[in-house]
Amino acid sequence: MRQAGSGGGLGPSPAPISLLRRIVFGVGAALVFVVLLGLGTWQVERRAWKLDLIARVDARVHATPVPAPGPADWPRVGPDEAYRHVRLSGTFLHDRETLVQAVTERGGGFWVLTPLRRPDGSLVLINRGFVPGDRRDPAIRAAGQVTGETTITGLLRLTEPKGAFLRSNDPRDDRWYSRDVAAIAAARGLTDVAPYFVDADATPNPGGLPVGGLTVISFPNNHLVYAITWYGMALMLAGAVIYVLRGGRKPRPAGE
């Protein structure tokens, strides 16, 4: 009879796992397995939701422009209105212009947000587009300061409260990092202002500035990768459990 640890190259056989330990280990592993499956399924559902969101936004962006919501419709403006293709007319209040720091495909600079007074007296902030840092002074781009009634076509955007990541708006020093409609309206002494703003389209402005049509629409969709990761971890866990419960070794060939 071969002794454990004697010559022959075989080490001591793994000690058998007690029934109680098998039960505890199995229950714990089963719970983790269920959680991993749940996370994978959740990511699959999130992916379906994200694809539907992308499809709905794409449909709004490319739809025929509709009138921008008026005061009676402002309470109903929410996520389902974001990126809707809209049209509105009015007169710009250039003396209430606000510059918001921006980083675009054209480099760093500012968004030019200008209130547009509509015929009913209400105001809508229009993101007229981008200007580089050395063109922030309206006097340098006077040709683009359109006067008289004008019509704007663009995308309805929801307000961006408080500021950007790690950078809060500073109304006192007139430093803006996000397009926070309420804060900008308060800082400029504006009333009866729509709770949204409009990104103007690429229709050229006189003198070439501001440059509109730079809206970036991007919805990260990594849910399939996450789902595969969670399901893969569940399969690896199942394999590890089977290995451990079988004693951590392959069966010996008959006759040993």
Protein backbone atom coordinates (compact mmCIF):
# COMPACT_ATOMS: atom_id res chain seq x y z
CA MET A 1 0.00 0.00 0.00
CA ARG A 2 1.47 3.34 -1.10
CA GLN A 3 2.06 5.82 1.70
CA ALA A 4 1.15 9.46 1.23
CA GLY A 5 4.28 11.46 0.63
CA SER A 6 6.43 8.39 -0.24
CA GLY A 7 8.43 8.05 -3.45
CA GLY A 8 6.55 7.76 -6.70
CA GLY A 9 5.97 11.50 -7.18
CA LEU A 10 2.49 11.61 -5.67
CA GLY A 11 1.81 14.16 -2.97
CA PRO A 12 -0.74 13.75 -0.21
CA SER A 13 -4.32 13.42 -1.43
CA PRO A 14 -6.55 16.44 -0.74
CA ALA A 15 -8.57 16.06 2.40
CA PRO A 16 -12.23 15.44 1.57
CA ILE A 17 -14.54 18.40 2.10
CA SER A 18 -17.02 17.80 4.88
CA LEU A 19 -20.72 17.74 4.05
CA LEU A 20 -21.37 20.92 6.06
CA ARG A 21 -18.63 22.80 4.27
CA ARG A 22 -19.93 21.59 0.93
CA ILE A 23 -23.39 22.91 1.77
CA VAL A 24 -22.13 26.30 3.01
CA PHE A 25 -19.79 26.68 0.06
CA GLY A 26 -22.46 25.62 -2.41
CA VAL A 27 -25.09 28.00 -1.02
CA GLY A 28 -22.65 30.93 -0.99
CA ALA A 29 -21.50 30.20 -4.52
CA ALA A 30 -25.10 29.86 -5.70
CA LEU A 31 -25.96 33.28 -4.28
CA VAL A 32 -22.98 34.89 -6.00
CA PHE A 33 -23.87 33.06 -9.23
CA VAL A 34 -27.42 34.43 -9.10
CA VAL A 35 -26.12 37.95 -8.47
CA LEU A 36 -23.74 37.73 -11.44
CA LEU A 37 -26.52 36.45 -13.69
CA GLY A 38 -28.74 39.28 -12.46
CA LEU A 39 -26.10 41.89 -13.25
CA GLY A 40 -25.61 40.44 -16.72
CA THR A 41 -29.35 40.45 -17.40
CA TRP A 42 -29.62 44.02 -16.09
CA GLN A 43 -26.95 45.11 -18.58
CA VAL A 44 -28.84 43.40 -21.41
CA GLU A 45 -31.96 45.33 -20.42
CA ARG A 46 -29.95 48.57 -20.15
CA ARG A 47 -28.58 47.97 -23.64
CA ALA A 48 -32.10 47.60 -25.04
CA TRP A 49 -33.13 50.82 -23.27
CA LYS A 50 -30.05 52.66 -24.60
CA LEU A 51 -30.65 51.51 -28.17
CA ASP A 52 -34.25 52.69 -27.94
CA LEU A 53 -33.10 56.06 -26.53
CA ILE A 54 -30.60 56.50 -29.36
CA ALA A 55 -33.27 55.68 -31.95
CA ARG A 56 -35.76 58.13 -30.43
CA VAL A 57 -33.21 60.96 -30.21
CA ASP A 58 -32.07 60.32 -33.78
CA ALA A 59 -35.68 60.56 -34.94
CA ARG A 60 -36.13 63.92 -33.15
CA VAL A 61 -32.90 65.36 -34.53
CA HIS A 62 -33.77 64.54 -38.14
CA ALA A 63 -37.48 65.35 -37.95
CA THR A 64 -39.03 68.40 -39.57
CA PRO A 65 -38.60 71.43 -37.25
CA VAL A 66 -41.57 72.16 -35.01
CA PRO A 67 -42.34 75.37 -33.09
CA ALA A 68 -40.30 75.65 -29.90
CA PRO A 69 -42.45 75.19 -26.76
CA GLY A 70 -44.12 78.38 -25.57
CA PRO A 71 -44.85 79.40 -21.96
CA ALA A 72 -47.97 77.21 -21.75
CA ASP A 73 -45.87 74.14 -22.56
CA TRP A 74 -42.82 74.91 -20.42
CA PRO A 75 -43.97 72.77 -17.43
CA ARG A 76 -44.04 69.72 -19.71
CA VAL A 77 -40.53 70.16 -21.12
CA GLY A 78 -38.43 67.20 -19.98
CA PRO A 79 -36.10 64.47 -21.23
CA ASP A 80 -38.55 63.41 -23.94
CA GLU A 81 -38.11 66.84 -25.55
CA ALA A 82 -34.30 66.86 -25.51
CA TYR A 83 -32.73 67.28 -28.97
CA ARG A 84 -36.06 68.00 -30.62
CA HIS A 85 -35.63 69.89 -33.90
CA VAL A 86 -37.32 73.26 -33.33
CA ARG A 87 -37.79 76.64 -34.97
CA LEU A 88 -38.53 80.01 -33.36
CA SER A 89 -38.42 83.68 -34.25
CA GLY A 90 -37.64 86.83 -32.32
CA THR A 91 -35.12 89.56 -31.65
CA PHE A 92 -31.73 89.03 -30.01
CA LEU A 93 -30.83 90.94 -26.85
CA HIS A 94 -27.10 91.17 -27.51
CA ASP A 95 -26.45 93.33 -24.46
CA ARG A 96 -27.43 90.30 -22.29
CA GLU A 97 -25.04 87.90 -24.00
CA THR A 98 -23.29 85.24 -21.89
CA LEU A 99 -20.10 83.36 -22.73
CA VAL A 100 -19.81 79.77 -21.54
CA GLN A 101 -16.45 78.00 -21.70
CA ALA A 102 -16.38 75.31 -24.37
CA VAL A 103 -14.09 72.68 -25.83
CA THR A 104 -15.06 71.73 -29.38
CA GLU A 105 -13.65 70.14 -32.53
CA ARG A 106 -12.39 73.64 -33.32
CA GLY A 107 -10.49 73.87 -30.05
CA GLY A 108 -11.13 75.80 -26.86
CA GLY A 109 -13.23 78.93 -26.66
CA PHE A 110 -16.76 79.92 -25.71
CA TRP A 111 -20.39 79.24 -26.49
CA VAL A 112 -22.29 82.46 -27.14
CA LEU A 113 -25.66 82.36 -25.36
CA THR A 114 -27.96 85.21 -26.30
CA PRO A 115 -31.57 85.76 -25.18
CA LEU A 116 -34.12 85.82 -28.01
CA ARG A 117 -37.27 87.82 -27.28
CA ARG A 118 -40.24 86.20 -28.97
CA PRO A 119 -43.31 88.12 -30.19
CA ASP A 120 -45.24 87.12 -27.04
CA GLY A 121 -42.53 88.71 -24.85
CA SER A 122 -41.09 85.45 -23.55
CA LEU A 123 -37.36 84.76 -23.78
CA VAL A 124 -35.39 81.75 -24.95
CA LEU A 125 -31.63 81.44 -24.56
CA ILE A 126 -30.03 80.64 -27.90
CA ASN A 127 -26.63 78.99 -28.07
CA ARG A 128 -25.65 80.81 -31.24
CA GLY A 129 -22.46 78.81 -31.54
CA PHE A 130 -18.74 78.82 -30.85
CA VAL A 131 -16.19 81.64 -30.84
CA PRO A 132 -12.45 81.20 -30.15
CA GLY A 133 -10.96 82.86 -27.09
CA ASP A 134 -9.51 85.76 -29.06
CA ARG A 135 -12.96 86.59 -30.46
CA ARG A 136 -14.87 86.73 -27.20
CA ASP A 137 -15.29 90.52 -27.42
CA PRO A 138 -18.54 91.24 -29.33
CA ALA A 139 -16.93 94.35 -30.87
CA ILE A 140 -14.47 92.13 -32.74
CA ARG A 141 -17.31 90.12 -34.29
CA ALA A 142 -19.80 92.94 -34.71
CA ALA A 143 -20.97 91.65 -38.10
CA GLY A 144 -22.43 88.59 -36.38
CA GLN A 145 -24.55 90.61 -33.95
CA VAL A 146 -27.73 90.18 -35.96
CA THR A 147 -30.37 92.90 -35.44
CA GLY A 148 -34.08 92.90 -36.12
CA GLU A 149 -36.36 89.87 -36.17
CA THR A 150 -34.67 86.63 -37.10
CA THR A 151 -35.62 82.97 -37.28
CA ILE A 152 -33.55 80.30 -35.57
CA THR A 153 -33.60 76.59 -36.30
CA GLY A 154 -31.82 74.20 -33.99
CA LEU A 155 -32.03 71.56 -31.29
CA LEU A 156 -33.86 71.97 -27.99
CA ARG A 157 -31.49 71.31 -25.10
CA LEU A 158 -32.22 70.84 -21.41
CA THR A 159 -30.61 73.16 -18.89
CA GLU A 160 -27.24 72.18 -17.40
CA PRO A 161 -27.50 73.20 -13.74
CA LYS A 162 -24.63 74.18 -11.41
CA GLY A 163 -21.63 73.65 -13.65
CA ALA A 164 -19.31 71.15 -15.26
CA PHE A 165 -17.41 68.27 -13.67
CA LEU A 166 -15.27 69.70 -10.83
CA ARG A 167 -15.98 73.26 -12.00
CA SER A 168 -18.93 75.20 -10.63
CA ASN A 169 -20.41 78.22 -12.32
CA ASP A 170 -19.39 81.52 -10.72
CA PRO A 171 -22.05 84.12 -11.60
CA ARG A 172 -20.39 86.78 -9.42
CA ASP A 173 -17.22 86.72 -11.55
CA ASP A 174 -19.17 85.92 -14.72
CA ARG A 175 -17.43 82.58 -15.18
CA TRP A 176 -19.63 79.94 -16.74
CA TYR A 177 -18.79 76.30 -17.34
CA SER A 178 -22.26 74.99 -18.17
CA ARG A 179 -25.41 76.33 -19.75
CA ASP A 180 -27.47 76.73 -16.60
CA VAL A 181 -30.54 78.56 -17.86
CA ALA A 182 -31.95 79.64 -14.48
CA ALA A 183 -28.60 80.89 -13.15
CA ILE A 184 -27.77 82.78 -16.35
CA ALA A 185 -31.23 84.36 -16.42
CA ALA A 186 -30.87 85.48 -12.80
CA ALA A 187 -27.38 86.88 -13.41
CA ARG A 188 -28.61 88.86 -16.43
CA GLY A 189 -31.81 90.06 -14.78
CA LEU A 190 -34.04 88.18 -17.21
CA THR A 191 -37.60 87.08 -16.48
CA ASP A 192 -40.14 84.94 -18.32
CA VAL A 193 -37.34 82.72 -19.63
CA ALA A 194 -37.90 79.26 -21.09
CA PRO A 195 -36.46 76.41 -18.95
CA TYR A 196 -34.48 75.16 -21.95
CA PHE A 197 -32.06 76.60 -24.48
CA VAL A 198 -31.65 76.01 -28.21
CA ASP A 199 -28.45 75.03 -30.01
CA ALA A 200 -28.54 76.94 -33.30
CA ASP A 201 -27.87 74.92 -36.43
CA ALA A 202 -25.01 75.43 -38.88
CA THR A 203 -26.66 78.29 -40.78
CA PRO A 204 -23.75 80.77 -41.22
CA ASN A 205 -23.80 84.01 -39.26
CA PRO A 206 -22.64 87.25 -40.91
CA GLY A 207 -18.87 87.53 -40.54
CA GLY A 208 -18.59 83.79 -39.85
CA LEU A 209 -19.03 84.00 -36.06
CA PRO A 210 -20.43 82.46 -33.94
CA VAL A 211 -20.14 79.01 -35.56
CA GLY A 212 -23.30 77.00 -35.00
CA GLY A 213 -24.15 73.38 -35.65
CA LEU A 214 -21.52 71.94 -33.31
CA THR A 215 -23.86 69.98 -31.06
CA VAL A 216 -22.30 66.65 -30.12
CA ILE A 217 -24.82 63.86 -29.57
CA SER A 218 -23.17 60.86 -27.98
CA PHE A 219 -24.61 58.14 -25.77
CA PRO A 220 -21.95 55.65 -24.58
CA ASN A 221 -23.23 52.12 -25.08
CA ASN A 222 -20.91 49.58 -23.46
CA HIS A 223 -23.68 47.47 -21.96
CA LEU A 224 -23.01 44.44 -24.17
CA VAL A 225 -19.38 44.32 -22.99
CA TYR A 226 -20.53 44.58 -19.38
CA ALA A 227 -23.14 41.84 -19.88
CA ILE A 228 -20.55 39.48 -21.38
CA THR A 229 -18.23 40.25 -18.47
CA TRP A 230 -20.84 39.41 -15.82
CA TYR A 231 -22.00 36.26 -17.61
CA GLY A 232 -18.39 35.20 -18.12
CA MET A 233 -17.68 35.62 -14.41
CA ALA A 234 -20.75 33.51 -13.63
CA LEU A 235 -19.46 30.71 -15.87
CA MET A 236 -16.00 30.86 -14.32
CA LEU A 237 -17.54 30.69 -10.86
CA ALA A 238 -19.57 27.64 -11.87
CA GLY A 239 -16.43 25.95 -13.18
CA ALA A 240 -14.51 26.76 -10.00
CA VAL A 241 -17.30 25.37 -7.81
CA ILE A 242 -17.39 22.09 -9.76
CA TYR A 243 -13.61 21.80 -9.48
CA VAL A 244 -13.58 22.40 -5.74
CA LEU A 245 -16.50 20.11 -4.96
CA ARG A 246 -14.86 17.30 -6.91
CA GLY A 247 -11.85 17.52 -4.63
CA GLY A 248 -9.67 19.79 -6.74
CA ARG A 249 -8.18 16.94 -8.78
CA LYS A 250 -9.01 14.70 -11.70
CA PRO A 251 -10.07 11.09 -11.04
CA ARG A 252 -7.16 8.64 -11.09
CA PRO A 253 -7.04 6.08 -13.89
CA ALA A 254 -8.30 2.62 -12.93
CA GLY A 255 -5.63 0.31 -11.53
CA GLU A 256 -3.58 2.93 -9.62
